[in-house]
Amino acid sequence: MGSIVTDHEQEASLVTGSRGHPRLLLWRQRTYRVTDAPTPLEDALPAVLTHPLPVHGWRFQGTSVHDGETLVFDVVAFGGGWHVLKTYD
């Protein structure tokens, strides 16, 4: 089983709603409001996986409350916290 390589730049805080779905992402001193329906990463890549993912995570679109920048995030739970694994423009 592989491991996830993370660094402090990728550490994040995730604020969830009553159902456990992401609502806000605090990352790199910025706040992103979740602006679509979050998808569990476990469900996002079924066609390319032959085994279940060994992580728990989400894919969602977030819009910065500071300047309106919008990104798609892959966020995973790791080491007792959350990390941004990848972003898409």
C-alpha atoms as a PDB file:
ATOM      1  CA  MET A   1       0.000   0.000   0.000  1.00  0.00           C
ATOM      2  CA  GLY A   2       1.382   3.434  -0.936  1.00  0.00           C
ATOM      3  CA  SER A   3       1.502   6.444   1.305  1.00  0.00           C
ATOM      4  CA  ILE A   4       0.315  10.003   0.878  1.00  0.00           C
ATOM      5  CA  VAL A   5       3.104  12.568   0.779  1.00  0.00           C
ATOM      6  CA  THR A   6       2.022  15.819   2.374  1.00  0.00           C
ATOM      7  CA  ASP A   7       3.618  19.048   3.466  1.00  0.00           C
ATOM      8  CA  HIS A   8       2.559  21.952   5.642  1.00  0.00           C
ATOM      9  CA  GLU A   9       1.475  23.957   2.577  1.00  0.00           C
ATOM     10  CA  GLN A  10      -1.231  21.363   1.944  1.00  0.00           C
ATOM     11  CA  GLU A  11      -2.629  21.243   5.480  1.00  0.00           C
ATOM     12  CA  ALA A  12      -6.219  22.445   5.668  1.00  0.00           C
ATOM     13  CA  SER A  13      -9.195  22.741   7.982  1.00  0.00           C
ATOM     14  CA  LEU A  14     -12.556  21.502   6.802  1.00  0.00           C
ATOM     15  CA  VAL A  15     -15.810  22.750   8.310  1.00  0.00           C
ATOM     16  CA  THR A  16     -18.623  20.261   7.795  1.00  0.00           C
ATOM     17  CA  GLY A  17     -22.379  20.470   8.043  1.00  0.00           C
ATOM     18  CA  SER A  18     -24.751  18.256  10.027  1.00  0.00           C
ATOM     19  CA  ARG A  19     -24.446  15.399   7.502  1.00  0.00           C
ATOM     20  CA  GLY A  20     -20.652  15.527   7.512  1.00  0.00           C
ATOM     21  CA  HIS A  21     -20.413  17.163   4.082  1.00  0.00           C
ATOM     22  CA  PRO A  22     -17.852  19.960   3.608  1.00  0.00           C
ATOM     23  CA  ARG A  23     -19.144  23.539   3.836  1.00  0.00           C
ATOM     24  CA  LEU A  24     -15.949  25.603   4.206  1.00  0.00           C
ATOM     25  CA  LEU A  25     -12.280  24.951   3.506  1.00  0.00           C
ATOM     26  CA  LEU A  26      -9.585  26.978   5.283  1.00  0.00           C
ATOM     27  CA  TRP A  27      -6.358  26.595   3.272  1.00  0.00           C
ATOM     28  CA  ARG A  28      -3.264  28.777   2.821  1.00  0.00           C
ATOM     29  CA  GLN A  29      -4.780  31.542   4.950  1.00  0.00           C
ATOM     30  CA  ARG A  30      -7.851  31.694   2.710  1.00  0.00           C
ATOM     31  CA  THR A  31     -11.437  30.587   3.178  1.00  0.00           C
ATOM     32  CA  TYR A  32     -13.269  28.766   0.380  1.00  0.00           C
ATOM     33  CA  ARG A  33     -17.033  28.277   0.503  1.00  0.00           C
ATOM     34  CA  VAL A  34     -18.148  24.948  -0.990  1.00  0.00           C
ATOM     35  CA  THR A  35     -20.255  25.918  -4.020  1.00  0.00           C
ATOM     36  CA  ASP A  36     -21.359  22.546  -5.391  1.00  0.00           C
ATOM     37  CA  ALA A  37     -22.408  19.114  -4.129  1.00  0.00           C
ATOM     38  CA  PRO A  38     -19.310  17.468  -2.591  1.00  0.00           C
ATOM     39  CA  THR A  39     -18.504  13.982  -3.871  1.00  0.00           C
ATOM     40  CA  PRO A  40     -16.743  11.421  -1.694  1.00  0.00           C
ATOM     41  CA  LEU A  41     -13.404  10.615  -3.347  1.00  0.00           C
ATOM     42  CA  GLU A  42     -14.288   6.978  -2.865  1.00  0.00           C
ATOM     43  CA  ASP A  43     -17.108   7.530  -5.399  1.00  0.00           C
ATOM     44  CA  ALA A  44     -15.303   9.972  -7.724  1.00  0.00           C
ATOM     45  CA  LEU A  45     -12.931   7.497  -9.387  1.00  0.00           C
ATOM     46  CA  PRO A  46     -14.713   4.108  -9.581  1.00  0.00           C
ATOM     47  CA  ALA A  47     -13.848   3.457 -13.246  1.00  0.00           C
ATOM     48  CA  VAL A  48     -10.081   3.610 -12.663  1.00  0.00           C
ATOM     49  CA  LEU A  49      -9.898   1.799  -9.325  1.00  0.00           C
ATOM     50  CA  THR A  50      -9.652  -1.933  -8.847  1.00  0.00           C
ATOM     51  CA  HIS A  51      -9.579  -1.709  -5.042  1.00  0.00           C
ATOM     52  CA  PRO A  52     -11.215   0.648  -2.543  1.00  0.00           C
ATOM     53  CA  LEU A  53      -9.264   3.801  -1.750  1.00  0.00           C
ATOM     54  CA  PRO A  54      -7.316   3.492   1.525  1.00  0.00           C
ATOM     55  CA  VAL A  55      -8.313   7.073   2.435  1.00  0.00           C
ATOM     56  CA  HIS A  56     -11.396   9.137   3.135  1.00  0.00           C
ATOM     57  CA  GLY A  57     -11.788  12.363   1.211  1.00  0.00           C
ATOM     58  CA  TRP A  58     -13.915  14.740  -0.811  1.00  0.00           C
ATOM     59  CA  ARG A  59     -13.913  16.429  -4.206  1.00  0.00           C
ATOM     60  CA  PHE A  60     -15.732  19.735  -4.370  1.00  0.00           C
ATOM     61  CA  GLN A  61     -15.701  23.191  -5.922  1.00  0.00           C
ATOM     62  CA  GLY A  62     -14.802  26.020  -3.582  1.00  0.00           C
ATOM     63  CA  THR A  63     -15.020  29.767  -4.104  1.00  0.00           C
ATOM     64  CA  SER A  64     -12.803  32.123  -2.116  1.00  0.00           C
ATOM     65  CA  VAL A  65     -14.717  34.502   0.124  1.00  0.00           C
ATOM     66  CA  HIS A  66     -11.800  36.940  -0.300  1.00  0.00           C
ATOM     67  CA  ASP A  67     -11.671  37.450  -4.073  1.00  0.00           C
ATOM     68  CA  GLY A  68     -14.028  34.991  -5.791  1.00  0.00           C
ATOM     69  CA  GLU A  69     -11.281  32.625  -7.029  1.00  0.00           C
ATOM     70  CA  THR A  70     -12.874  29.247  -7.778  1.00  0.00           C
ATOM     71  CA  LEU A  71     -11.023  25.919  -7.669  1.00  0.00           C
ATOM     72  CA  VAL A  72     -11.940  22.244  -7.512  1.00  0.00           C
ATOM     73  CA  PHE A  73     -10.320  20.509  -4.542  1.00  0.00           C
ATOM     74  CA  ASP A  74      -9.432  16.924  -3.719  1.00  0.00           C
ATOM     75  CA  VAL A  75      -9.149  16.866   0.074  1.00  0.00           C
ATOM     76  CA  VAL A  76      -8.199  13.808   2.162  1.00  0.00           C
ATOM     77  CA  ALA A  77      -8.242  12.987   5.857  1.00  0.00           C
ATOM     78  CA  PHE A  78      -4.692  12.222   6.960  1.00  0.00           C
ATOM     79  CA  GLY A  79      -2.888  12.060  10.297  1.00  0.00           C
ATOM     80  CA  GLY A  80      -5.815  13.430  12.300  1.00  0.00           C
ATOM     81  CA  GLY A  81      -6.378  16.396   9.979  1.00  0.00           C
ATOM     82  CA  TRP A  82      -7.190  17.325   6.401  1.00  0.00           C
ATOM     83  CA  HIS A  83      -4.832  17.894   3.474  1.00  0.00           C
ATOM     84  CA  VAL A  84      -5.406  19.330   0.002  1.00  0.00           C
ATOM     85  CA  LEU A  85      -4.206  16.571  -2.308  1.00  0.00           C
ATOM     86  CA  LYS A  86      -4.829  18.361  -5.624  1.00  0.00           C
ATOM     87  CA  THR A  87      -6.512  21.456  -7.031  1.00  0.00           C
ATOM     88  CA  TYR A  88      -7.976  22.071 -10.494  1.00  0.00           C
ATOM     89  CA  ASP A  89      -8.619  25.465 -12.144  1.00  0.00           C
END
